[in-house]
C-alpha atoms as a PDB file:
ATOM      1  CA  MET A   1     109.743  48.533 179.581  1.00  0.00           C
ATOM      2  CA  LYS A   2     113.218  49.919 180.344  1.00  0.00           C
ATOM      3  CA  LYS A   3     113.203  53.325 182.123  1.00  0.00           C
ATOM      4  CA  LYS A   4     115.309  54.908 179.349  1.00  0.00           C
ATOM      5  CA  TYR A   5     112.684  53.906 176.825  1.00  0.00           C
ATOM      6  CA  GLY A   6     109.938  55.446 178.856  1.00  0.00           C
ATOM      7  CA  PHE A   7     111.982  58.791 178.853  1.00  0.00           C
ATOM      8  CA  VAL A   8     112.354  58.630 175.056  1.00  0.00           C
ATOM      9  CA  LEU A   9     108.510  58.133 174.741  1.00  0.00           C
ATOM     10  CA  ILE A  10     107.962  61.125 176.894  1.00  0.00           C
ATOM     11  CA  VAL A  11     110.473  63.202 174.760  1.00  0.00           C
ATOM     12  CA  TYR A  12     108.700  62.112 171.586  1.00  0.00           C
ATOM     13  CA  LEU A  13     105.282  62.929 172.889  1.00  0.00           C
ATOM     14  CA  ILE A  14     106.574  66.387 173.883  1.00  0.00           C
ATOM     15  CA  MET A  15     107.879  66.910 170.431  1.00  0.00           C
ATOM     16  CA  GLN A  16     104.496  65.957 168.888  1.00  0.00           C
ATOM     17  CA  LEU A  17     102.752  68.495 171.071  1.00  0.00           C
ATOM     18  CA  SER A  18     105.531  71.225 171.078  1.00  0.00           C
ATOM     19  CA  GLY A  19     104.027  72.930 168.004  1.00  0.00           C
ATOM     20  CA  LEU A  20     101.224  74.133 170.046  1.00  0.00           C
ATOM     21  CA  ILE A  21     103.544  76.456 171.870  1.00  0.00           C
ATOM     22  CA  GLY A  22     106.521  76.583 169.539  1.00  0.00           C
ATOM     23  CA  VAL A  23     104.717  77.762 166.262  1.00  0.00           C
ATOM     24  CA  PRO A  24     102.839  80.764 167.906  1.00  0.00           C
ATOM     25  CA  LEU A  25     106.018  81.689 169.635  1.00  0.00           C
ATOM     26  CA  MET A  26     108.144  81.695 166.437  1.00  0.00           C
ATOM     27  CA  TYR A  27     105.338  83.524 164.716  1.00  0.00           C
ATOM     28  CA  LYS A  28     105.407  86.341 167.376  1.00  0.00           C
ATOM     29  CA  MET A  29     109.224  86.488 167.188  1.00  0.00           C
ATOM     30  CA  GLY A  30     109.193  86.714 163.372  1.00  0.00           C
ATOM     31  CA  VAL A  31     106.610  89.500 163.290  1.00  0.00           C
ATOM     32  CA  ALA A  32     108.620  91.324 166.102  1.00  0.00           C
ATOM     33  CA  LEU A  33     111.644  91.190 163.870  1.00  0.00           C
ATOM     34  CA  GLY A  34     109.737  93.089 161.189  1.00  0.00           C
ATOM     35  CA  ILE A  35     109.020  90.187 158.876  1.00  0.00           C
ATOM     36  CA  GLU A  36     105.812  90.435 156.957  1.00  0.00           C
ATOM     37  CA  PRO A  37     103.063  88.418 158.954  1.00  0.00           C
ATOM     38  CA  THR A  38     101.954  86.351 155.924  1.00  0.00           C
ATOM     39  CA  ARG A  39     105.388  85.361 155.213  1.00  0.00           C
ATOM     40  CA  VAL A  40     106.068  84.385 158.722  1.00  0.00           C
ATOM     41  CA  LYS A  41     102.900  82.321 158.845  1.00  0.00           C
ATOM     42  CA  GLU A  42     104.074  80.377 155.735  1.00  0.00           C
ATOM     43  CA  MET A  43     107.545  79.747 157.006  1.00  0.00           C
ATOM     44  CA  VAL A  44     107.140  79.043 160.714  1.00  0.00           C
ATOM     45  CA  PRO A  45     105.710  75.428 160.356  1.00  0.00           C
ATOM     46  CA  GLY A  46     108.661  74.348 158.254  1.00  0.00           C
ATOM     47  CA  TYR A  47     111.284  75.750 160.474  1.00  0.00           C
ATOM     48  CA  TRP A  48     109.585  74.478 163.656  1.00  0.00           C
ATOM     49  CA  LEU A  49     109.420  70.901 162.238  1.00  0.00           C
ATOM     50  CA  LEU A  50     113.335  71.067 161.446  1.00  0.00           C
ATOM     51  CA  ILE A  51     114.175  72.465 164.894  1.00  0.00           C
ATOM     52  CA  SER A  52     111.833  70.100 166.927  1.00  0.00           C
ATOM     53  CA  PHE A  53     112.910  67.044 165.005  1.00  0.00           C
ATOM     54  CA  SER A  54     116.634  67.969 165.276  1.00  0.00           C
ATOM     55  CA  VAL A  55     116.574  68.676 168.961  1.00  0.00           C
ATOM     56  CA  THR A  56     114.361  65.617 169.737  1.00  0.00           C
ATOM     57  CA  LEU A  57     116.756  63.278 167.881  1.00  0.00           C
ATOM     58  CA  VAL A  58     119.794  64.544 169.651  1.00  0.00           C
ATOM     59  CA  ILE A  59     118.031  64.174 173.002  1.00  0.00           C
ATOM     60  CA  VAL A  60     116.828  60.640 172.162  1.00  0.00           C
ATOM     61  CA  LEU A  61     120.284  59.468 171.127  1.00  0.00           C
ATOM     62  CA  LEU A  62     121.803  60.908 174.317  1.00  0.00           C
ATOM     63  CA  ILE A  63     119.192  59.071 176.452  1.00  0.00           C
ATOM     64  CA  LEU A  64     119.938  55.692 174.653  1.00  0.00           C
ATOM     65  CA  ARG A  65     123.663  55.913 175.086  1.00  0.00           C
ATOM     66  CA  ASP A  66     124.819  52.576 176.587  1.00  0.00           C
ATOM     67  CA  SER A  67     121.084  51.424 176.842  1.00  0.00           C
ATOM     68  CA  PRO A  68     120.582  47.631 177.324  1.00  0.00           C
ATOM     69  CA  LYS A  69     119.959  45.550 174.256  1.00  0.00           C
ATOM     70  CA  ASN A  70     116.468  44.232 173.577  1.00  0.00           C
ATOM     71  CA  ARG A  71     115.597  40.683 172.676  1.00  0.00           C
ATOM     72  CA  LEU A  72     116.406  41.108 169.011  1.00  0.00           C
ATOM     73  CA  GLU A  73     119.618  42.755 169.605  1.00  0.00           C
ATOM     74  CA  ARG A  74     120.901  40.100 172.037  1.00  0.00           C
ATOM     75  CA  THR A  75     120.922  37.807 169.181  1.00  0.00           C
ATOM     76  CA  ALA A  76     123.676  37.788 166.444  1.00  0.00           C
ATOM     77  CA  PRO A  77     122.726  40.254 163.694  1.00  0.00           C
ATOM     78  CA  MET A  78     122.792  39.486 160.094  1.00  0.00           C
ATOM     79  CA  SER A  79     125.998  40.040 158.274  1.00  0.00           C
ATOM     80  CA  ALA A  80     126.686  43.460 156.746  1.00  0.00           C
ATOM     81  CA  GLY A  81     126.427  42.249 153.168  1.00  0.00           C
ATOM     82  CA  GLU A  82     123.033  40.452 153.766  1.00  0.00           C
ATOM     83  CA  SER A  83     121.820  43.377 155.861  1.00  0.00           C
ATOM     84  CA  THR A  84     122.597  45.716 152.816  1.00  0.00           C
ATOM     85  CA  PHE A  85     120.552  43.459 150.587  1.00  0.00           C
ATOM     86  CA  TRP A  86     117.559  43.584 153.022  1.00  0.00           C
ATOM     87  CA  ALA A  87     118.054  47.391 153.415  1.00  0.00           C
ATOM     88  CA  ILE A  88     117.638  47.872 149.600  1.00  0.00           C
ATOM     89  CA  ALA A  89     115.041  45.029 149.181  1.00  0.00           C
ATOM     90  CA  GLY A  90     113.061  46.657 152.110  1.00  0.00           C
ATOM     91  CA  VAL A  91     112.513  49.776 150.179  1.00  0.00           C
ATOM     92  CA  PHE A  92     110.697  47.726 147.460  1.00  0.00           C
ATOM     93  CA  LEU A  93     108.841  45.698 150.190  1.00  0.00           C
ATOM     94  CA  ALA A  94     107.507  48.858 151.800  1.00  0.00           C
ATOM     95  CA  PHE A  95     106.381  50.239 148.512  1.00  0.00           C
ATOM     96  CA  LEU A  96     104.749  46.896 147.634  1.00  0.00           C
ATOM     97  CA  ALA A  97     103.036  46.657 151.142  1.00  0.00           C
ATOM     98  CA  GLN A  98     101.819  50.300 150.439  1.00  0.00           C
ATOM     99  CA  ARG A  99     100.508  49.497 147.099  1.00  0.00           C
ATOM    100  CA  ILE A 100      98.541  46.491 148.347  1.00  0.00           C
ATOM    101  CA  ALA A 101      97.113  48.534 151.172  1.00  0.00           C
ATOM    102  CA  ILE A 102      96.023  51.298 148.731  1.00  0.00           C
ATOM    103  CA  SER A 103      94.377  48.701 146.544  1.00  0.00           C
ATOM    104  CA  ILE A 104      92.425  47.368 149.408  1.00  0.00           C
ATOM    105  CA  GLU A 105      91.479  50.904 150.608  1.00  0.00           C
ATOM    106  CA  MET A 106      90.135  51.706 147.063  1.00  0.00           C
ATOM    107  CA  ILE A 107      87.947  48.510 147.102  1.00  0.00           C
ATOM    108  CA  LEU A 108      86.681  49.616 150.479  1.00  0.00           C
ATOM    109  CA  GLY A 109      85.876  53.072 149.141  1.00  0.00           C
ATOM    110  CA  VAL A 110      88.482  55.011 151.037  1.00  0.00           C
ATOM    111  CA  GLU A 111      89.418  58.313 149.305  1.00  0.00           C
ATOM    112  CA  MET A 112      92.743  58.322 147.833  1.00  0.00           C
ATOM    113  CA  GLY A 113      95.334  60.884 148.773  1.00  0.00           C
ATOM    114  CA  SER A 114      96.783  61.781 152.144  1.00  0.00           C
ATOM    115  CA  GLU A 115      96.172  65.038 153.976  1.00  0.00           C
ATOM    116  CA  ASN A 116      99.477  64.706 155.892  1.00  0.00           C
ATOM    117  CA  THR A 117     101.433  64.243 152.701  1.00  0.00           C
ATOM    118  CA  GLU A 118      99.507  67.217 151.045  1.00  0.00           C
ATOM    119  CA  THR A 119     100.184  69.482 154.157  1.00  0.00           C
ATOM    120  CA  ILE A 120     103.973  68.503 154.278  1.00  0.00           C
ATOM    121  CA  VAL A 121     104.342  69.184 150.477  1.00  0.00           C
ATOM    122  CA  ASN A 122     102.831  72.587 151.014  1.00  0.00           C
ATOM    123  CA  ILE A 123     105.130  73.426 153.885  1.00  0.00           C
ATOM    124  CA  ILE A 124     108.174  72.224 151.928  1.00  0.00           C
ATOM    125  CA  GLU A 125     107.180  74.607 149.013  1.00  0.00           C
ATOM    126  CA  PHE A 126     107.597  77.577 151.526  1.00  0.00           C
ATOM    127  CA  VAL A 127     110.643  76.043 153.310  1.00  0.00           C
ATOM    128  CA  PRO A 128     112.446  73.508 151.102  1.00  0.00           C
ATOM    129  CA  VAL A 129     114.852  72.629 154.060  1.00  0.00           C
ATOM    130  CA  THR A 130     111.977  70.927 155.715  1.00  0.00           C
ATOM    131  CA  MET A 131     112.691  67.972 153.422  1.00  0.00           C
ATOM    132  CA  ILE A 132     115.456  66.981 155.853  1.00  0.00           C
ATOM    133  CA  SER A 133     112.904  66.655 158.677  1.00  0.00           C
ATOM    134  CA  VAL A 134     110.378  64.652 156.696  1.00  0.00           C
ATOM    135  CA  ALA A 135     112.801  62.450 154.641  1.00  0.00           C
ATOM    136  CA  ILE A 136     115.549  61.828 157.257  1.00  0.00           C
ATOM    137  CA  LEU A 137     115.026  63.007 160.770  1.00  0.00           C
ATOM    138  CA  GLY A 138     111.462  61.790 161.030  1.00  0.00           C
ATOM    139  CA  PRO A 139     111.981  58.241 159.812  1.00  0.00           C
ATOM    140  CA  ILE A 140     114.990  57.842 162.202  1.00  0.00           C
ATOM    141  CA  LEU A 141     112.993  59.003 165.131  1.00  0.00           C
ATOM    142  CA  GLU A 142     109.999  56.794 164.158  1.00  0.00           C
ATOM    143  CA  GLU A 143     112.115  53.738 163.816  1.00  0.00           C
ATOM    144  CA  ILE A 144     113.825  54.301 167.143  1.00  0.00           C
ATOM    145  CA  VAL A 145     110.349  54.860 168.869  1.00  0.00           C
ATOM    146  CA  PHE A 146     108.035  52.443 167.096  1.00  0.00           C
ATOM    147  CA  ARG A 147     110.474  49.640 166.141  1.00  0.00           C
ATOM    148  CA  LYS A 148     113.288  49.607 168.639  1.00  0.00           C
ATOM    149  CA  ILE A 149     111.312  50.698 171.700  1.00  0.00           C
ATOM    150  CA  ILE A 150     107.654  49.791 171.180  1.00  0.00           C
ATOM    151  CA  PHE A 151     108.077  46.674 168.898  1.00  0.00           C
ATOM    152  CA  GLY A 152     111.236  45.696 170.819  1.00  0.00           C
ATOM    153  CA  SER A 153     109.607  45.898 174.151  1.00  0.00           C
ATOM    154  CA  LEU A 154     106.481  44.058 173.015  1.00  0.00           C
ATOM    155  CA  HIS A 155     108.772  41.337 171.443  1.00  0.00           C
ATOM    156  CA  GLU A 156     110.187  40.683 174.784  1.00  0.00           C
ATOM    157  CA  LYS A 157     106.893  39.036 175.822  1.00  0.00           C
ATOM    158  CA  PHE A 158     104.999  38.316 172.738  1.00  0.00           C
ATOM    159  CA  SER A 159     105.477  36.738 169.303  1.00  0.00           C
ATOM    160  CA  PHE A 160     106.602  38.586 166.226  1.00  0.00           C
ATOM    161  CA  SER A 161     103.213  38.773 164.527  1.00  0.00           C
ATOM    162  CA  ILE A 162     101.506  40.154 167.718  1.00  0.00           C
ATOM    163  CA  SER A 163     104.303  42.657 168.516  1.00  0.00           C
ATOM    164  CA  ALA A 164     104.473  43.832 164.956  1.00  0.00           C
ATOM    165  CA  LEU A 165     100.676  44.169 164.701  1.00  0.00           C
ATOM    166  CA  ILE A 166     100.308  46.194 167.834  1.00  0.00           C
ATOM    167  CA  SER A 167     103.329  48.530 167.128  1.00  0.00           C
ATOM    168  CA  SER A 168     102.244  48.987 163.645  1.00  0.00           C
ATOM    169  CA  VAL A 169      98.593  50.029 164.578  1.00  0.00           C
ATOM    170  CA  ILE A 170     100.081  52.436 167.106  1.00  0.00           C
ATOM    171  CA  PHE A 171     102.505  53.727 164.355  1.00  0.00           C
ATOM    172  CA  ALA A 172      99.410  54.311 162.096  1.00  0.00           C
ATOM    173  CA  ALA A 173      97.366  55.917 164.788  1.00  0.00           C
ATOM    174  CA  VAL A 174      99.981  58.542 165.502  1.00  0.00           C
ATOM    175  CA  HIS A 175      99.899  59.819 162.037  1.00  0.00           C
ATOM    176  CA  GLY A 176      96.307  60.930 162.592  1.00  0.00           C
ATOM    177  CA  GLU A 177      94.607  59.568 159.486  1.00  0.00           C
ATOM    178  CA  PRO A 178      92.286  56.756 160.711  1.00  0.00           C
ATOM    179  CA  GLU A 179      90.910  56.338 157.217  1.00  0.00           C
ATOM    180  CA  HIS A 180      94.486  55.224 156.189  1.00  0.00           C
ATOM    181  CA  ILE A 181      95.159  53.013 159.296  1.00  0.00           C
ATOM    182  CA  LEU A 182      95.630  50.051 156.968  1.00  0.00           C
ATOM    183  CA  LEU A 183      98.169  51.901 154.744  1.00  0.00           C
ATOM    184  CA  TYR A 184     100.433  52.970 157.650  1.00  0.00           C
ATOM    185  CA  SER A 185     100.095  49.786 159.437  1.00  0.00           C
ATOM    186  CA  ALA A 186     101.174  47.869 156.351  1.00  0.00           C
ATOM    187  CA  MET A 187     104.361  50.013 156.256  1.00  0.00           C
ATOM    188  CA  GLY A 188     104.938  49.627 159.984  1.00  0.00           C
ATOM    189  CA  PHE A 189     104.639  45.906 159.805  1.00  0.00           C
ATOM    190  CA  THR A 190     107.151  45.822 156.929  1.00  0.00           C
ATOM    191  CA  PHE A 191     109.677  47.877 158.942  1.00  0.00           C
ATOM    192  CA  ALA A 192     109.271  45.618 161.943  1.00  0.00           C
ATOM    193  CA  TYR A 193     109.929  42.552 159.747  1.00  0.00           C
ATOM    194  CA  LEU A 194     113.135  44.103 158.424  1.00  0.00           C
ATOM    195  CA  TYR A 195     114.196  44.737 162.026  1.00  0.00           C
ATOM    196  CA  MET A 196     113.330  41.317 163.069  1.00  0.00           C
ATOM    197  CA  LYS A 197     114.910  39.642 160.086  1.00  0.00           C
ATOM    198  CA  THR A 198     118.262  41.365 160.319  1.00  0.00           C
ATOM    199  CA  LYS A 199     118.512  42.305 163.885  1.00  0.00           C
ATOM    200  CA  ARG A 200     119.822  45.605 162.751  1.00  0.00           C
ATOM    201  CA  LEU A 201     117.760  48.863 163.324  1.00  0.00           C
ATOM    202  CA  ILE A 202     119.732  50.621 160.553  1.00  0.00           C
ATOM    203  CA  VAL A 203     118.015  48.442 157.924  1.00  0.00           C
ATOM    204  CA  PRO A 204     114.456  49.638 158.555  1.00  0.00           C
ATOM    205  CA  ILE A 205     115.841  53.198 159.098  1.00  0.00           C
ATOM    206  CA  PHE A 206     117.442  53.005 155.636  1.00  0.00           C
ATOM    207  CA  ALA A 207     114.223  51.621 154.043  1.00  0.00           C
ATOM    208  CA  HIS A 208     112.079  54.176 155.764  1.00  0.00           C
ATOM    209  CA  VAL A 209     114.321  57.087 154.819  1.00  0.00           C
ATOM    210  CA  ALA A 210     114.573  56.019 151.203  1.00  0.00           C
ATOM    211  CA  MET A 211     110.808  55.562 150.972  1.00  0.00           C
ATOM    212  CA  ASN A 212     109.980  58.926 152.559  1.00  0.00           C
ATOM    213  CA  SER A 213     112.618  60.719 150.396  1.00  0.00           C
ATOM    214  CA  THR A 214     111.155  59.155 147.266  1.00  0.00           C
ATOM    215  CA  VAL A 215     107.581  60.092 148.129  1.00  0.00           C
ATOM    216  CA  VAL A 216     108.558  63.634 149.145  1.00  0.00           C
ATOM    217  CA  LEU A 217     110.732  64.268 145.966  1.00  0.00           C
ATOM    218  CA  VAL A 218     107.938  62.843 143.724  1.00  0.00           C
ATOM    219  CA  GLN A 219     105.162  64.766 145.477  1.00  0.00           C
ATOM    220  CA  TYR A 220     107.203  68.006 145.444  1.00  0.00           C
ATOM    221  CA  PHE A 221     108.226  67.909 141.799  1.00  0.00           C
ATOM    222  CA  LEU A 222     105.158  66.082 140.214  1.00  0.00           C
ATOM    223  CA  LYS A 223     102.420  67.504 142.425  1.00  0.00           C
ATOM    224  CA  ASP A 224     100.160  68.527 139.723  1.00  0.00           C
ATOM    225  CA  GLU A 225     100.489  65.318 137.658  1.00  0.00           C
ATOM    226  CA  ILE A 226      99.826  63.310 140.850  1.00  0.00           C
ATOM    227  CA  GLU A 227      96.654  65.213 141.615  1.00  0.00           C
ATOM    228  CA  ARG A 228      95.501  64.585 137.946  1.00  0.00           C
ATOM    229  CA  MET A 229      96.109  60.867 138.406  1.00  0.00           C
ATOM    230  CA  ILE A 230      94.264  60.806 141.753  1.00  0.00           C
ATOM    231  CA  LYS A 231      91.231  62.521 140.264  1.00  0.00           C
ATOM    232  CA  GLU A 232      91.182  60.052 137.413  1.00  0.00           C
ATOM    233  CA  ALA A 233      91.531  57.039 139.848  1.00  0.00           C
ATOM    234  CA  GLU A 234      88.667  58.487 141.953  1.00  0.00           C
ATOM    235  CA  GLN A 235      86.519  58.902 138.749  1.00  0.00           C
ATOM    236  CA  LEU A 236      87.208  55.204 137.873  1.00  0.00           C
ATOM    237  CA  GLN A 237      86.378  54.168 141.392  1.00  0.00           C
ATOM    238  CA  SER A 238      83.015  55.900 141.094  1.00  0.00           C
ATOM    239  CA  VAL A 239      82.320  54.235 137.765  1.00  0.00           C
ATOM    240  CA  ILE A 240      83.103  50.786 139.236  1.00  0.00           C
ATOM    241  CA  ALA A 241      80.926  51.420 142.300  1.00  0.00           C
ATOM    242  CA  TRP A 242      78.126  52.580 139.899  1.00  0.00           C
ATOM    243  CA  LEU A 243      78.386  49.487 137.738  1.00  0.00           C
ATOM    244  CA  SER A 244      78.422  47.098 140.637  1.00  0.00           C
END
């Protein structure tokens, strides 16, 4: 792996752990400024996400300036027109992969719903600007780290299938929901395919941003309706399990 890639992974790891120090520090600063403690507790996670994601993305882009191209990028990229088609089609492919994964999880008895998504929606309710982190900054960082660096580095030595599988499982593991490893892996594999197909990182970035934006907006504005649908699906799942 290229040295610059290693630096990026270190910066990304630091970002993932930065909340352990940054959130308590911001909380103390908020209280010291005279803001009501409960209000500070509600606001700090959202603002820390925005700050940490923004700073990390800037640092990562600076590190990767003039970085050597990987195996995919050394080949001729797909034309702009075709790439645009795949960027749009990729959104539907990602949702299709997600739908198939959810269906398999239901068959396996995995509880529907994501704690990560629920937590993020709760944070956005207090700090709406957090949507920028979740819908735009996060996906860009993840595509750089998991597709360009991890998948790209693996693809220097291994086939697409092996490289995509390994990088997708790592992508899933980082989300911290082992019960949904199939769900996140399916999406990661789809984004890796888009990158391999077009040789342009902007394509999976667009698909990932569009997907996250859609999920966040739907969850934020239709939260109650979604919770009702999940409960009905879980009841149906219980009936099917009892009948079988």
